[in-house]
N, C-alpha and C. Protein backbone atom coordinates (compact mmCIF):
# COMPACT_ATOMS: atom_id res chain seq x y z
N MET A 1 65.42 48.14 112.51
CA MET A 1 66.02 47.68 111.26
C MET A 1 65.17 48.13 110.08
N THR A 2 64.79 49.39 110.08
CA THR A 2 63.94 49.87 108.99
C THR A 2 64.69 50.79 108.03
N GLY A 3 65.93 51.11 108.29
CA GLY A 3 66.67 52.01 107.42
C GLY A 3 66.99 51.37 106.09
N ASP A 4 66.70 52.09 105.00
CA ASP A 4 67.00 51.56 103.68
C ASP A 4 68.00 52.42 102.92
N GLY A 5 68.47 53.52 103.54
CA GLY A 5 69.45 54.37 102.91
C GLY A 5 68.86 55.27 101.83
N ARG A 6 67.55 55.42 101.82
CA ARG A 6 66.89 56.27 100.83
C ARG A 6 66.31 57.50 101.51
N ALA A 7 66.34 58.61 100.79
CA ALA A 7 65.81 59.86 101.33
C ALA A 7 64.29 59.82 101.37
N THR A 8 63.72 60.69 102.20
CA THR A 8 62.27 60.81 102.33
C THR A 8 61.62 61.10 100.99
N ASN A 9 60.48 60.49 100.73
CA ASN A 9 59.72 60.70 99.50
C ASN A 9 60.53 60.44 98.24
N SER A 10 61.50 59.57 98.33
CA SER A 10 62.35 59.19 97.19
C SER A 10 63.05 60.37 96.54
N LEU A 11 63.46 61.36 97.35
CA LEU A 11 64.21 62.49 96.82
C LEU A 11 65.56 62.00 96.30
N VAL A 12 66.08 62.67 95.30
CA VAL A 12 67.36 62.30 94.71
C VAL A 12 68.47 62.57 95.72
N THR A 13 69.38 61.62 95.85
CA THR A 13 70.52 61.78 96.75
C THR A 13 71.80 61.55 95.99
N GLY A 14 72.86 62.12 96.50
CA GLY A 14 74.18 61.78 95.99
C GLY A 14 74.72 60.64 96.82
N ALA A 15 75.80 60.05 96.37
CA ALA A 15 76.42 58.97 97.13
C ALA A 15 77.91 59.01 96.88
N GLY A 16 78.67 58.66 97.89
CA GLY A 16 80.12 58.62 97.74
C GLY A 16 80.81 58.47 99.07
N ILE A 17 82.14 58.69 99.06
CA ILE A 17 82.93 58.52 100.28
C ILE A 17 83.33 59.85 100.91
N GLY A 18 82.83 60.95 100.36
CA GLY A 18 83.07 62.28 100.92
C GLY A 18 81.91 63.19 100.58
N PHE A 19 81.59 64.11 101.48
CA PHE A 19 80.46 65.00 101.26
C PHE A 19 80.74 65.94 100.09
N PRO A 20 79.70 66.36 99.37
CA PRO A 20 79.89 67.30 98.27
C PRO A 20 80.37 68.66 98.77
N ALA A 21 81.09 69.39 97.91
CA ALA A 21 81.70 70.65 98.31
C ALA A 21 80.69 71.78 98.49
N ASN A 22 79.64 71.84 97.69
CA ASN A 22 78.69 72.95 97.75
C ASN A 22 77.25 72.45 97.91
N PRO A 23 76.91 71.92 99.08
CA PRO A 23 75.55 71.41 99.27
C PRO A 23 74.54 72.53 99.47
N THR A 24 73.28 72.21 99.20
CA THR A 24 72.17 73.10 99.43
C THR A 24 71.41 72.61 100.65
N VAL A 25 70.82 73.51 101.42
CA VAL A 25 70.05 73.12 102.60
C VAL A 25 68.99 72.10 102.18
N GLY A 26 68.93 70.99 102.90
CA GLY A 26 67.95 69.95 102.62
C GLY A 26 68.47 68.83 101.73
N ASP A 27 69.70 68.98 101.19
CA ASP A 27 70.27 67.92 100.36
C ASP A 27 70.52 66.67 101.20
N TYR A 28 70.30 65.52 100.58
CA TYR A 28 70.61 64.23 101.19
C TYR A 28 71.87 63.68 100.54
N PHE A 29 72.65 62.93 101.32
CA PHE A 29 73.85 62.30 100.78
C PHE A 29 74.08 60.98 101.49
N LEU A 30 74.30 59.93 100.72
CA LEU A 30 74.53 58.59 101.26
C LEU A 30 76.03 58.33 101.29
N ARG A 31 76.58 58.16 102.49
CA ARG A 31 78.01 57.88 102.63
C ARG A 31 78.24 56.38 102.51
N LEU A 32 79.03 56.01 101.51
CA LEU A 32 79.30 54.60 101.23
C LEU A 32 80.50 54.07 102.00
N ASP A 33 81.24 54.96 102.68
CA ASP A 33 82.39 54.51 103.45
C ASP A 33 82.03 54.14 104.88
N TYR A 34 80.77 54.23 105.23
CA TYR A 34 80.27 53.76 106.53
C TYR A 34 79.71 52.37 106.34
N LEU A 35 79.82 51.53 107.34
CA LEU A 35 79.23 50.20 107.28
C LEU A 35 78.34 50.02 108.49
N PRO A 36 77.04 49.96 108.35
CA PRO A 36 76.31 50.05 107.08
C PRO A 36 76.34 51.47 106.53
N ASN A 37 75.97 51.60 105.24
CA ASN A 37 75.94 52.91 104.62
C ASN A 37 75.06 53.85 105.43
N ARG A 38 75.43 55.13 105.48
CA ARG A 38 74.73 56.09 106.34
C ARG A 38 74.22 57.27 105.50
N LEU A 39 72.94 57.58 105.70
CA LEU A 39 72.30 58.69 105.00
C LEU A 39 72.36 59.94 105.86
N PHE A 40 72.79 61.07 105.26
CA PHE A 40 72.89 62.35 105.95
C PHE A 40 72.02 63.39 105.22
N ARG A 41 71.65 64.44 105.94
CA ARG A 41 70.89 65.58 105.37
C ARG A 41 71.61 66.85 105.78
N TYR A 42 71.79 67.76 104.81
CA TYR A 42 72.51 68.99 105.08
C TYR A 42 71.56 70.02 105.69
N SER A 43 71.93 70.58 106.85
CA SER A 43 71.07 71.51 107.58
C SER A 43 71.37 72.97 107.27
N GLY A 44 72.41 73.21 106.52
CA GLY A 44 72.84 74.58 106.27
C GLY A 44 74.16 74.88 106.95
N THR A 45 74.43 74.17 108.05
CA THR A 45 75.71 74.35 108.75
C THR A 45 76.48 73.04 108.89
N HIS A 46 75.78 71.91 108.91
CA HIS A 46 76.45 70.63 109.06
C HIS A 46 75.61 69.51 108.45
N TRP A 47 76.24 68.36 108.28
CA TRP A 47 75.55 67.17 107.80
C TRP A 47 75.05 66.38 109.01
N ALA A 48 73.74 66.16 109.08
CA ALA A 48 73.13 65.44 110.20
C ALA A 48 72.76 64.03 109.75
N ARG A 49 73.06 63.07 110.60
CA ARG A 49 72.71 61.67 110.28
C ARG A 49 71.20 61.50 110.29
N VAL A 50 70.69 60.86 109.25
CA VAL A 50 69.26 60.58 109.15
C VAL A 50 68.99 59.13 109.52
N GLU A 51 69.71 58.22 108.90
CA GLU A 51 69.52 56.80 109.18
C GLU A 51 70.67 56.00 108.62
N ASP A 52 70.74 54.75 109.04
CA ASP A 52 71.70 53.80 108.51
C ASP A 52 70.96 52.81 107.63
N ALA A 53 71.59 52.42 106.54
CA ALA A 53 70.98 51.46 105.62
C ALA A 53 71.20 50.05 106.17
N VAL A 54 70.28 49.60 107.02
CA VAL A 54 70.43 48.31 107.67
C VAL A 54 69.29 47.34 107.37
N ARG A 55 68.40 47.72 106.49
CA ARG A 55 67.27 46.85 106.17
C ARG A 55 67.76 45.59 105.47
N THR A 56 67.28 44.45 105.91
CA THR A 56 67.61 43.18 105.29
C THR A 56 66.56 42.86 104.24
N ASN A 57 67.01 42.40 103.08
CA ASN A 57 66.07 42.01 102.05
C ASN A 57 65.21 40.84 102.54
N ILE A 58 63.98 40.77 102.05
CA ILE A 58 63.11 39.67 102.47
C ILE A 58 63.31 38.44 101.60
N THR A 59 64.13 38.56 100.55
CA THR A 59 64.43 37.42 99.71
C THR A 59 65.38 36.50 100.47
N PRO A 60 65.03 35.23 100.64
CA PRO A 60 65.91 34.34 101.40
C PRO A 60 67.20 34.06 100.65
N GLY A 61 68.23 33.73 101.39
CA GLY A 61 69.51 33.37 100.80
C GLY A 61 70.62 34.28 101.26
N ALA A 62 71.81 33.71 101.40
CA ALA A 62 72.95 34.46 101.90
C ALA A 62 73.34 35.61 101.00
N ALA A 63 73.15 35.47 99.69
CA ALA A 63 73.54 36.53 98.75
C ALA A 63 72.68 37.78 98.93
N ASN A 64 71.51 37.65 99.51
CA ASN A 64 70.60 38.78 99.65
C ASN A 64 70.59 39.39 101.04
N ASN A 65 71.30 38.82 101.98
CA ASN A 65 71.29 39.29 103.36
C ASN A 65 72.69 39.68 103.79
N GLN A 66 73.22 40.73 103.22
CA GLN A 66 74.59 41.14 103.50
C GLN A 66 74.62 42.24 104.55
N THR A 67 74.32 41.91 105.79
CA THR A 67 74.40 42.86 106.89
C THR A 67 75.39 42.34 107.91
N GLN A 68 75.85 43.21 108.80
CA GLN A 68 76.78 42.76 109.84
C GLN A 68 76.11 41.75 110.75
N ARG A 69 74.85 41.97 111.07
CA ARG A 69 74.13 41.04 111.94
C ARG A 69 74.05 39.67 111.30
N PHE A 70 73.71 39.62 110.01
CA PHE A 70 73.60 38.34 109.31
C PHE A 70 74.93 37.61 109.30
N SER A 71 76.02 38.35 109.00
CA SER A 71 77.32 37.69 108.92
C SER A 71 77.80 37.23 110.29
N TYR A 72 77.37 37.88 111.37
CA TYR A 72 77.76 37.44 112.71
C TYR A 72 76.96 36.20 113.12
N VAL A 73 75.66 36.26 112.97
CA VAL A 73 74.81 35.16 113.41
C VAL A 73 75.06 33.90 112.60
N ASN A 74 75.36 34.04 111.33
CA ASN A 74 75.55 32.89 110.45
C ASN A 74 77.03 32.66 110.13
N ASN A 75 77.90 32.99 111.04
CA ASN A 75 79.33 32.83 110.83
C ASN A 75 79.71 31.35 110.87
N THR A 76 80.20 30.84 109.73
CA THR A 76 80.63 29.44 109.67
C THR A 76 82.13 29.33 109.46
N ASN A 77 82.86 30.44 109.59
CA ASN A 77 84.32 30.43 109.40
C ASN A 77 85.00 29.66 110.52
N THR A 78 86.16 29.11 110.19
CA THR A 78 86.96 28.40 111.19
C THR A 78 88.36 29.01 111.24
N TYR A 79 89.08 28.71 112.29
CA TYR A 79 90.47 29.12 112.44
C TYR A 79 91.24 28.00 113.10
N THR A 80 92.55 28.05 112.96
CA THR A 80 93.42 27.06 113.58
C THR A 80 94.25 27.76 114.65
N ASN A 81 94.15 27.29 115.88
CA ASN A 81 94.89 27.93 116.98
C ASN A 81 96.35 27.47 116.98
N HIS A 82 97.13 28.00 117.92
CA HIS A 82 98.56 27.71 117.98
C HIS A 82 98.87 26.25 118.29
N GLU A 83 97.88 25.51 118.78
CA GLU A 83 98.07 24.08 119.07
C GLU A 83 97.67 23.20 117.90
N GLY A 84 97.21 23.84 116.79
CA GLY A 84 96.83 23.08 115.61
C GLY A 84 95.39 22.62 115.59
N GLN A 85 94.60 23.04 116.58
CA GLN A 85 93.19 22.66 116.64
C GLN A 85 92.37 23.60 115.77
N THR A 86 91.47 23.04 114.96
CA THR A 86 90.57 23.84 114.14
C THR A 86 89.29 24.07 114.93
N MET A 87 88.90 25.35 115.05
CA MET A 87 87.71 25.71 115.82
C MET A 87 86.87 26.68 115.01
N THR A 88 85.59 26.79 115.35
CA THR A 88 84.73 27.75 114.68
C THR A 88 84.95 29.14 115.28
N GLU A 89 84.82 30.17 114.42
CA GLU A 89 84.96 31.55 114.91
C GLU A 89 83.81 31.94 115.82
N LEU A 90 82.62 31.49 115.51
CA LEU A 90 81.46 31.83 116.32
C LEU A 90 81.49 31.01 117.60
N GLN A 91 81.58 31.68 118.72
CA GLN A 91 81.66 31.02 120.01
C GLN A 91 80.59 31.58 120.93
N PRO A 92 79.98 30.75 121.77
CA PRO A 92 79.04 31.29 122.75
C PRO A 92 79.80 32.10 123.80
N LEU A 93 79.16 33.08 124.37
CA LEU A 93 79.81 33.90 125.39
C LEU A 93 80.30 33.08 126.57
N SER A 94 79.61 31.99 126.87
CA SER A 94 80.03 31.16 128.00
C SER A 94 81.41 30.56 127.76
N ARG A 95 81.83 30.41 126.50
CA ARG A 95 83.16 29.90 126.21
C ARG A 95 84.17 31.02 126.09
N ALA A 96 83.72 32.20 125.66
CA ALA A 96 84.64 33.32 125.47
C ALA A 96 84.95 34.03 126.78
N LEU A 97 83.98 34.09 127.66
CA LEU A 97 84.14 34.80 128.93
C LEU A 97 83.95 33.83 130.09
N THR A 98 84.99 33.59 130.81
CA THR A 98 84.89 32.71 131.97
C THR A 98 84.92 33.57 133.22
N PRO A 99 83.82 33.61 133.96
CA PRO A 99 83.80 34.46 135.15
C PRO A 99 84.70 33.88 136.24
N SER A 100 85.29 34.78 137.01
CA SER A 100 86.09 34.36 138.16
C SER A 100 85.87 35.37 139.28
N ALA A 101 85.98 34.91 140.47
CA ALA A 101 85.80 35.78 141.62
C ALA A 101 86.94 36.77 141.70
N ASP A 102 86.64 38.00 142.09
CA ASP A 102 87.70 39.01 142.20
C ASP A 102 88.29 39.05 143.61
N ASN A 103 87.84 38.19 144.48
CA ASN A 103 88.37 38.17 145.84
C ASN A 103 89.18 36.92 146.12
N ASN A 104 89.82 36.37 145.07
CA ASN A 104 90.66 35.16 145.25
C ASN A 104 91.86 35.52 146.12
N GLU A 105 92.07 34.71 147.10
CA GLU A 105 93.25 34.90 147.95
C GLU A 105 94.15 33.70 147.75
N SER A 106 95.32 33.95 147.20
CA SER A 106 96.24 32.87 146.91
C SER A 106 97.45 32.93 147.78
């Protein structure tokens, strides 16, 4: 979790949802349409992935920790099932996956 979406040595990068039309070898570009944002470097023939911007800020608080991992672990959303019961979206695997023997003979 060390990716910050910045190029090496703080080189200038472009950012957007599509690669630039005329890149130069060694150019960096941050794709904003990836989640998390993804940094690429142009090799002369193709754009190679360098890293994903997944670093979590060290400042505490939900407003500063906007990562997929944070939103999954701290999911407090609820839903109402077809029977009208309100349940939390975050469920332990033991409730989501119930193992059963594959050799049941009925």
